[in-house]
Amino acid sequence: MKKVLTIILVAFIIIQFFPIDKTNPAPTPGMDFLKIKNTPPEIAKIITNSCYDCHSNETTYPWYSNFAPASWYLKNHIDEGRKHLNFSTFATYEPKQQVDKLEECIEMIEKKEMPLESYFVGHQDAKITDEQRKILINYFKKEKTETVRKMTL
């Protein structure tokens, strides 16, 4: 038993020599969803607190991101989140793609699939109430309608 624990401890120490890259891409204020959509501050705060760590280039890495293998899981999750939807580069999406992304936001929030339950472990401020869900859903629906309207002009 002592040998197994020693091997596990040594393996844990060794994997710490393979840290993740925590460098966020350069800010792109002219392409950021909150800026280009002129999002009201109270809605922007909800989106920033509940979405931006995984779905923007403004990730704030928590303390546990310093320890593998948790850091590897976290980095993969952030990379996947950005690939799916990146609010920091929202303006680079074609209008049809923006509509699709907004529709996805609506669906994920309605189904309570976002934010992820696992995210709340270290981010209690990311929890959103049912009222905040309604606010976000209505806001994303409004932005989707406006984007569709602009596409038809």
Protein backbone atom coordinates (compact mmCIF):
# COMPACT_ATOMS: atom_id res chain seq x y z
CA MET A 1 0.00 0.00 0.00
CA LYS A 2 2.85 2.35 0.88
CA LYS A 3 4.46 1.67 -2.51
CA VAL A 4 1.23 2.52 -4.37
CA LEU A 5 0.83 5.79 -2.46
CA THR A 6 4.46 6.69 -3.19
CA ILE A 7 3.96 6.04 -6.91
CA ILE A 8 0.79 8.16 -6.94
CA LEU A 9 2.55 11.00 -5.10
CA VAL A 10 5.55 10.89 -7.45
CA ALA A 11 3.24 10.85 -10.50
CA PHE A 12 1.30 13.82 -9.09
CA ILE A 13 4.53 15.75 -8.59
CA ILE A 14 5.81 14.93 -12.07
CA ILE A 15 2.63 16.06 -13.84
CA GLN A 16 2.98 19.47 -12.18
CA PHE A 17 5.87 20.09 -14.59
CA PHE A 18 3.35 20.23 -17.47
CA PRO A 19 1.37 23.43 -16.78
CA ILE A 20 -1.33 24.85 -19.01
CA ASP A 21 -0.96 28.07 -20.98
CA LYS A 22 -3.07 30.66 -19.18
CA THR A 23 -2.40 33.43 -21.66
CA ASN A 24 -5.62 35.00 -22.89
CA PRO A 25 -5.72 36.19 -26.50
CA ALA A 26 -5.34 39.95 -26.93
CA PRO A 27 -8.45 42.00 -26.15
CA THR A 28 -10.65 42.88 -29.13
CA PRO A 29 -13.10 45.49 -27.79
CA GLY A 30 -14.44 46.31 -31.26
CA MET A 31 -15.50 42.69 -31.75
CA ASP A 32 -16.86 41.97 -28.26
CA PHE A 33 -20.54 41.05 -28.01
CA LEU A 34 -21.24 43.35 -25.06
CA LYS A 35 -19.74 46.34 -26.88
CA ILE A 36 -21.14 45.80 -30.37
CA LYS A 37 -24.62 45.08 -29.01
CA ASN A 38 -24.41 47.94 -26.51
CA THR A 39 -25.60 45.56 -23.80
CA PRO A 40 -27.21 47.27 -20.79
CA PRO A 41 -24.91 47.13 -17.72
CA GLU A 42 -27.20 44.92 -15.60
CA ILE A 43 -27.40 42.32 -18.39
CA ALA A 44 -23.69 42.65 -19.20
CA LYS A 45 -22.90 41.85 -15.56
CA ILE A 46 -24.90 38.60 -15.69
CA ILE A 47 -23.24 37.55 -18.97
CA THR A 48 -19.77 38.48 -17.71
CA ASN A 49 -20.20 36.62 -14.39
CA SER A 50 -21.84 33.53 -15.83
CA CYS A 51 -20.40 33.12 -19.33
CA TYR A 52 -17.16 35.00 -19.96
CA ASP A 53 -14.71 32.69 -18.16
CA CYS A 54 -15.38 29.94 -20.71
CA HIS A 55 -16.87 31.84 -23.64
CA SER A 56 -14.54 34.81 -24.09
CA ASN A 57 -10.88 35.78 -24.22
CA GLU A 58 -11.21 37.24 -20.72
CA THR A 59 -10.83 34.06 -18.68
CA THR A 60 -9.90 34.49 -15.03
CA TYR A 61 -8.21 31.27 -14.01
CA PRO A 62 -9.08 30.01 -10.50
CA TRP A 63 -6.50 28.84 -7.96
CA TYR A 64 -7.00 25.18 -8.86
CA SER A 65 -5.84 25.88 -12.40
CA ASN A 66 -2.32 25.70 -10.97
CA PHE A 67 -2.58 21.97 -10.35
CA ALA A 68 -2.63 19.16 -12.90
CA PRO A 69 -4.70 17.23 -13.81
CA ALA A 70 -7.47 19.70 -12.84
CA SER A 71 -5.74 22.39 -14.90
CA TRP A 72 -5.76 20.18 -18.00
CA TYR A 73 -9.49 19.53 -17.65
CA LEU A 74 -10.15 23.23 -17.12
CA LYS A 75 -8.04 24.30 -20.11
CA ASN A 76 -9.78 21.79 -22.36
CA HIS A 77 -13.16 23.03 -21.15
CA ILE A 78 -12.23 26.66 -21.84
CA ASP A 79 -10.85 25.85 -25.30
CA GLU A 80 -14.05 23.95 -26.16
CA GLY A 81 -16.20 26.79 -24.80
CA ARG A 82 -14.39 29.39 -26.89
CA LYS A 83 -14.60 27.18 -29.97
CA HIS A 84 -18.36 26.84 -29.53
CA LEU A 85 -19.00 30.53 -28.74
CA ASN A 86 -16.56 33.33 -28.15
CA PHE A 87 -18.20 36.56 -27.05
CA SER A 88 -14.86 38.38 -27.48
CA THR A 89 -14.88 37.77 -31.23
CA PHE A 90 -18.64 37.83 -31.81
CA ALA A 91 -18.38 40.49 -34.52
CA THR A 92 -16.28 38.11 -36.65
CA TYR A 93 -19.25 35.75 -37.01
CA GLU A 94 -21.31 36.15 -40.16
CA PRO A 95 -24.84 37.45 -39.42
CA LYS A 96 -26.40 34.00 -39.99
CA GLN A 97 -23.86 32.48 -37.61
CA GLN A 98 -24.62 35.20 -35.04
CA VAL A 99 -28.30 34.26 -35.23
CA ASP A 100 -27.38 30.60 -34.72
CA LYS A 101 -25.16 31.45 -31.73
CA LEU A 102 -27.91 33.56 -30.14
CA GLU A 103 -30.41 30.75 -30.71
CA GLU A 104 -27.99 28.35 -29.02
CA CYS A 105 -27.64 30.74 -26.07
CA ILE A 106 -31.41 30.88 -25.70
CA GLU A 107 -31.74 27.11 -25.87
CA MET A 108 -28.90 26.40 -23.40
CA ILE A 109 -30.27 28.89 -20.87
CA GLU A 110 -33.86 27.68 -21.26
CA LYS A 111 -32.78 24.08 -20.70
CA LYS A 112 -30.58 25.20 -17.77
CA GLU A 113 -27.59 23.57 -19.47
CA MET A 114 -25.57 26.77 -19.08
CA PRO A 115 -23.86 27.79 -16.99
CA LEU A 116 -22.66 24.31 -16.11
CA GLU A 117 -23.39 23.05 -12.61
CA SER A 118 -19.71 22.09 -12.24
CA TYR A 119 -18.74 25.73 -12.79
CA PHE A 120 -20.53 26.78 -9.61
CA VAL A 121 -18.09 24.86 -7.41
CA GLY A 122 -15.60 27.73 -7.48
CA HIS A 123 -17.90 30.42 -8.87
CA GLN A 124 -20.96 30.88 -6.71
CA ASP A 125 -21.50 34.34 -8.24
CA ALA A 126 -22.08 32.68 -11.62
CA LYS A 127 -25.36 31.11 -10.49
CA ILE A 128 -28.31 32.75 -12.17
CA THR A 129 -31.81 32.98 -10.81
CA ASP A 130 -34.92 32.11 -12.79
CA GLU A 131 -35.56 35.84 -13.15
CA GLN A 132 -32.05 36.38 -14.55
CA ARG A 133 -32.61 33.48 -16.95
CA LYS A 134 -35.74 35.21 -18.24
CA ILE A 135 -33.84 38.47 -18.62
CA LEU A 136 -31.04 36.77 -20.60
CA ILE A 137 -33.45 34.78 -22.77
CA ASN A 138 -35.45 37.92 -23.61
CA TYR A 139 -32.28 39.87 -24.32
CA PHE A 140 -30.84 37.18 -26.61
CA LYS A 141 -34.20 36.88 -28.40
CA LYS A 142 -34.27 40.64 -28.93
CA GLU A 143 -30.73 40.63 -30.31
CA LYS A 144 -31.51 37.66 -32.54
CA THR A 145 -34.60 39.44 -33.95
CA GLU A 146 -32.56 42.59 -34.53
CA THR A 147 -29.82 40.65 -36.32
CA VAL A 148 -32.39 38.91 -38.55
CA ARG A 149 -34.00 42.29 -39.29
CA LYS A 150 -30.64 43.76 -40.37
CA MET A 151 -30.02 40.73 -42.59
CA THR A 152 -33.23 41.40 -44.52
CA LEU A 153 -32.48 45.09 -45.19
